[in-house]
N, C-alpha and C. Protein backbone atom coordinates (compact mmCIF):
# COMPACT_ATOMS: atom_id res chain seq x y z
N MET A 1 107.75 91.98 98.68
CA MET A 1 108.54 92.75 99.18
C MET A 1 108.46 94.00 98.98
N ALA A 2 108.35 94.63 100.44
CA ALA A 2 108.27 95.92 100.62
C ALA A 2 109.10 96.78 101.52
N TRP A 3 109.10 98.22 101.57
CA TRP A 3 109.97 99.12 102.36
C TRP A 3 109.19 100.03 103.33
N ILE A 4 108.99 99.57 104.35
CA ILE A 4 108.88 100.37 105.47
C ILE A 4 109.25 101.58 105.91
N TYR A 5 108.80 102.85 105.94
CA TYR A 5 109.38 103.97 107.13
C TYR A 5 108.42 103.95 108.39
N ASN A 6 109.13 104.12 109.29
CA ASN A 6 108.11 103.69 110.61
C ASN A 6 107.96 105.75 111.05
N LYS A 7 107.80 106.41 110.81
CA LYS A 7 107.42 107.72 111.28
C LYS A 7 107.94 108.23 112.49
N LYS A 8 108.06 107.63 113.15
CA LYS A 8 108.06 107.29 114.78
C LYS A 8 109.92 107.61 114.96
N THR A 9 110.41 106.52 114.65
CA THR A 9 111.80 106.03 114.24
C THR A 9 111.93 106.86 113.42
N GLY A 10 111.65 107.20 111.80
CA GLY A 10 112.36 107.49 111.24
C GLY A 10 113.39 106.56 110.39
N ILE A 11 113.22 105.72 110.33
CA ILE A 11 113.55 104.31 110.15
C ILE A 11 113.47 102.98 109.03
N VAL A 12 114.35 102.92 107.90
CA VAL A 12 112.84 102.46 106.65
C VAL A 12 113.76 101.05 106.94
N THR A 13 112.73 100.16 106.80
CA THR A 13 113.36 98.54 106.62
C THR A 13 112.50 97.81 105.48
N GLU A 14 113.68 96.91 105.15
CA GLU A 14 112.85 96.03 104.08
C GLU A 14 112.35 94.83 104.35
N CYS A 15 111.10 94.53 104.00
CA CYS A 15 110.17 93.40 104.84
C CYS A 15 109.81 92.70 104.17
N HIS A 16 109.91 91.13 104.31
CA HIS A 16 109.46 90.62 103.08
C HIS A 16 108.31 89.44 103.53
N ASN A 17 107.62 89.75 105.21
CA ASN A 17 106.85 89.48 105.63
C ASN A 17 105.46 89.77 105.27
N LYS A 18 104.44 89.56 104.57
CA LYS A 18 103.51 90.00 103.56
C LYS A 18 102.18 90.63 105.21
N ASP A 19 102.17 89.18 106.30
CA ASP A 19 101.57 90.00 107.31
C ASP A 19 101.51 91.30 107.76
N VAL A 20 103.21 91.62 107.96
CA VAL A 20 103.54 92.63 108.44
C VAL A 20 103.50 94.41 107.45
N ILE A 21 103.66 93.72 106.31
CA ILE A 21 103.09 94.79 105.34
C ILE A 21 101.71 94.84 105.61
N ASN A 22 101.18 94.62 105.24
CA ASN A 22 99.59 94.59 105.54
C ASN A 22 99.13 95.65 106.55
N ILE A 23 99.83 95.21 108.29
CA ILE A 23 99.63 96.28 109.07
C ILE A 23 99.92 96.92 109.09
N CYS A 24 101.69 97.16 108.45
CA CYS A 24 101.78 98.28 107.99
C CYS A 24 101.10 99.44 107.40
N LYS A 25 100.63 98.90 106.29
CA LYS A 25 99.46 99.54 105.40
C LYS A 25 98.43 100.35 105.63
N SER A 26 98.01 99.10 106.60
CA SER A 26 96.70 100.04 107.63
C SER A 26 97.14 100.93 108.61
N ASP A 27 97.69 101.65 109.11
CA ASP A 27 97.67 102.32 110.10
C ASP A 27 98.94 103.21 109.72
N ILE A 28 98.63 104.23 108.79
CA ILE A 28 98.94 105.06 107.87
C ILE A 28 99.22 106.58 109.10
N ASP A 29 98.96 106.53 109.82
CA ASP A 29 99.98 107.42 110.87
C ASP A 29 100.72 107.02 111.24
N GLY A 30 101.48 105.54 111.40
CA GLY A 30 102.93 105.47 112.38
C GLY A 30 103.86 104.85 111.03
N PHE A 31 103.40 104.44 109.59
CA PHE A 31 104.26 104.41 108.96
C PHE A 31 103.61 104.05 107.30
N MET A 32 104.81 104.64 106.37
CA MET A 32 104.49 104.41 104.96
C MET A 32 105.34 102.95 104.18
N VAL A 33 104.26 102.65 103.22
CA VAL A 33 105.01 101.54 102.21
C VAL A 33 104.84 101.83 101.65
N SER A 34 106.23 101.16 100.54
CA SER A 34 106.00 101.22 99.35
C SER A 34 107.00 100.20 98.55
N ASP A 35 106.60 99.50 97.29
CA ASP A 35 107.63 98.68 96.38
C ASP A 35 109.10 98.82 96.27
N LYS A 36 108.61 100.64 96.15
CA LYS A 36 109.72 100.54 95.59
C LYS A 36 110.92 102.01 96.91
N TYR A 37 112.08 101.75 97.05
CA TYR A 37 113.02 102.35 97.00
C TYR A 37 112.61 104.07 97.18
N ASP A 38 113.26 103.79 96.18
CA ASP A 38 113.38 105.28 96.29
C ASP A 38 111.97 106.16 96.14
N THR A 39 110.77 105.73 95.31
CA THR A 39 109.18 106.33 95.41
C THR A 39 109.46 106.80 97.33
N LEU A 40 109.75 105.71 98.07
CA LEU A 40 109.49 105.51 99.43
C LEU A 40 110.36 107.09 100.17
N LYS A 41 110.93 107.18 99.21
CA LYS A 41 112.44 108.28 99.95
C LYS A 41 111.54 109.23 99.33
N LYS A 42 111.23 110.17 98.46
CA LYS A 42 110.49 110.72 97.73
C LYS A 42 109.43 110.96 98.74
N HIS A 43 108.99 110.42 99.20
CA HIS A 43 107.64 110.99 99.94
C HIS A 43 108.35 111.00 100.83
N VAL A 44 109.36 110.50 102.00
CA VAL A 44 109.90 110.69 103.23
C VAL A 44 110.49 112.40 102.79
N LYS A 45 111.04 112.49 101.75
CA LYS A 45 111.40 113.66 101.97
C LYS A 45 110.13 115.02 102.15
N MET A 46 109.05 114.71 101.03
CA MET A 46 108.41 115.37 101.22
C MET A 46 107.21 115.30 102.43
N LEU A 47 107.76 114.42 103.64
CA LEU A 47 106.88 114.78 104.90
C LEU A 47 108.19 115.64 105.28
N GLU A 48 109.27 115.27 105.38
CA GLU A 48 110.17 115.96 106.13
C GLU A 48 109.93 117.74 105.67
N GLU A 49 109.98 118.31 104.57
CA GLU A 49 109.31 119.41 104.12
C GLU A 49 108.42 120.24 104.64
N GLU A 50 107.18 119.06 104.82
CA GLU A 50 106.28 119.76 105.14
C GLU A 50 105.98 119.89 106.62
N GLY A 51 106.68 118.76 107.03
CA GLY A 51 107.35 119.54 108.94
C GLY A 51 108.88 120.94 109.16
N LYS A 52 108.64 120.88 107.87
CA LYS A 52 109.81 122.15 108.10
C LYS A 52 108.74 123.49 108.10
N GLN A 53 108.14 123.32 107.06
CA GLN A 53 107.08 124.04 106.94
C GLN A 53 106.64 124.98 108.35
N GLU A 54 105.83 123.85 108.59
CA GLU A 54 104.62 123.78 109.78
C GLU A 54 105.82 124.47 110.43
N GLU A 55 106.87 123.66 111.00
CA GLU A 55 108.37 124.62 111.86
C GLU A 55 107.62 125.96 111.74
N ASN A 56 107.72 126.52 110.44
CA ASN A 56 108.12 128.01 110.10
C ASN A 56 107.14 128.91 109.77
N GLY A 57 106.16 128.04 110.39
CA GLY A 57 104.52 128.85 110.12
C GLY A 57 103.38 128.74 108.85
N GLU A 58 103.90 127.71 108.26
CA GLU A 58 104.11 127.57 106.82
C GLU A 58 102.61 126.50 106.80
N LYS A 59 101.74 126.44 105.99
CA LYS A 59 100.90 125.41 106.19
C LYS A 59 101.32 124.16 105.62
N SER A 60 100.23 123.05 106.24
CA SER A 60 101.28 121.72 104.89
C SER A 60 99.94 121.71 103.82
N LEU A 61 100.94 120.69 102.78
CA LEU A 61 99.23 120.84 101.66
C LEU A 61 98.31 120.20 102.56
N GLU A 62 98.36 119.35 102.66
CA GLU A 62 96.72 118.56 103.12
C GLU A 62 96.25 119.23 104.30
N LYS A 63 96.36 120.46 105.32
CA LYS A 63 96.32 121.19 106.17
C LYS A 63 95.44 122.61 104.98
N MET A 64 95.61 122.42 103.62
CA MET A 64 95.17 123.45 102.91
C MET A 64 93.94 123.68 102.73
N THR A 65 93.07 124.48 102.74
CA THR A 65 91.51 124.38 101.52
C THR A 65 91.67 124.06 100.32
N LEU A 66 90.84 123.76 99.47
CA LEU A 66 90.39 123.45 98.13
C LEU A 66 90.87 124.63 97.71
N SER A 67 90.47 126.06 98.21
CA SER A 67 90.41 126.90 97.23
C SER A 67 92.31 127.63 97.79
N GLU A 68 92.57 127.25 98.77
CA GLU A 68 94.10 127.74 99.16
C GLU A 68 94.96 126.75 98.28
N LEU A 69 94.51 125.41 98.29
CA LEU A 69 95.11 124.80 96.87
C LEU A 69 95.47 125.20 95.62
N LYS A 70 94.16 125.77 95.29
CA LYS A 70 94.11 126.03 94.14
C LYS A 70 95.09 127.23 93.93
N GLU A 71 94.60 128.12 94.82
CA GLU A 71 95.65 129.40 94.93
C GLU A 71 97.51 129.42 95.03
N TYR A 72 97.72 128.23 95.34
CA TYR A 72 98.97 127.47 95.57
C TYR A 72 99.33 127.16 94.40
N ALA A 73 98.56 126.30 93.58
CA ALA A 73 98.85 125.70 91.99
C ALA A 73 98.81 126.84 91.38
N GLU A 74 98.07 127.56 91.18
CA GLU A 74 98.63 128.92 90.29
C GLU A 74 99.48 129.35 90.38
N ALA A 75 100.05 129.91 91.74
CA ALA A 75 101.09 130.30 91.89
C ALA A 75 102.69 129.39 91.76
N GLN A 76 101.75 128.04 91.39
CA GLN A 76 102.59 127.51 90.80
C GLN A 76 103.48 127.32 89.67
N GLY A 77 102.29 127.53 88.90
CA GLY A 77 102.56 127.59 87.26
C GLY A 77 101.20 126.57 86.93
N ILE A 78 101.27 125.94 87.86
CA ILE A 78 99.94 124.78 87.33
C ILE A 78 98.81 124.78 86.75
N GLU A 79 98.59 124.39 86.09
CA GLU A 79 97.38 124.93 85.47
C GLU A 79 96.40 123.79 85.84
N ILE A 80 94.96 124.44 86.34
CA ILE A 80 94.02 123.42 86.49
C ILE A 80 92.70 123.52 86.44
N SER A 81 91.61 121.76 86.93
CA SER A 81 90.41 122.60 86.56
C SER A 81 89.56 122.78 87.32
N SER A 82 88.60 123.82 87.38
CA SER A 82 87.79 124.40 87.95
C SER A 82 87.02 123.17 89.26
N SER A 83 86.78 122.50 88.55
CA SER A 83 86.27 121.04 89.33
C SER A 83 87.06 120.06 89.79
N ALA A 84 88.32 120.45 89.99
CA ALA A 84 89.53 119.80 90.50
C ALA A 84 89.18 118.92 91.98
N THR A 85 89.21 118.53 92.70
CA THR A 85 89.17 117.98 94.08
C THR A 85 90.18 117.98 94.48
N LYS A 86 89.81 118.10 96.09
CA LYS A 86 91.71 118.36 97.18
C LYS A 86 92.08 117.44 96.79
N ALA A 87 91.58 115.99 96.88
CA ALA A 87 92.95 114.39 96.01
C ALA A 87 93.44 114.89 95.08
N GLU A 88 92.01 115.43 93.91
CA GLU A 88 92.83 115.90 92.62
C GLU A 88 94.51 117.17 93.17
N LEU A 89 94.31 117.68 93.72
CA LEU A 89 95.23 119.14 93.70
C LEU A 89 96.39 118.31 94.46
N LEU A 90 96.51 117.37 95.19
CA LEU A 90 97.23 117.00 96.56
C LEU A 90 97.52 116.18 95.70
N ALA A 91 97.05 115.30 94.67
CA ALA A 91 98.13 114.40 93.72
C ALA A 91 98.68 114.87 92.65
N VAL A 92 98.32 116.55 91.94
CA VAL A 92 99.37 116.88 91.65
C VAL A 92 100.38 117.73 91.97
N LEU A 93 100.12 118.23 93.04
CA LEU A 93 101.46 118.76 93.78
C LEU A 93 102.29 118.45 94.50
N ARG A 94 101.82 117.09 95.28
CA ARG A 94 103.16 115.85 95.23
C ARG A 94 103.85 115.69 94.17
């Protein structure tokens, strides 16, 4: 079983069909998939917040450069390694 969020419609659906789950997992632009409802809702909320930031002229985390992410992390009081990659920073900031 998995929970599927359709990014176009904003609908969250419980799914038991493994083929549908795999198709949705492969279409990351159209869907988000999680085994846990609470985890999915957390990610949906983050997407919504990023959308609001973009509407207000702020950059989303994914669109920031590595140096911008490092500055943002430091401003949030998060200690980071100088060798941290963008993917590592994004994981920590989410």
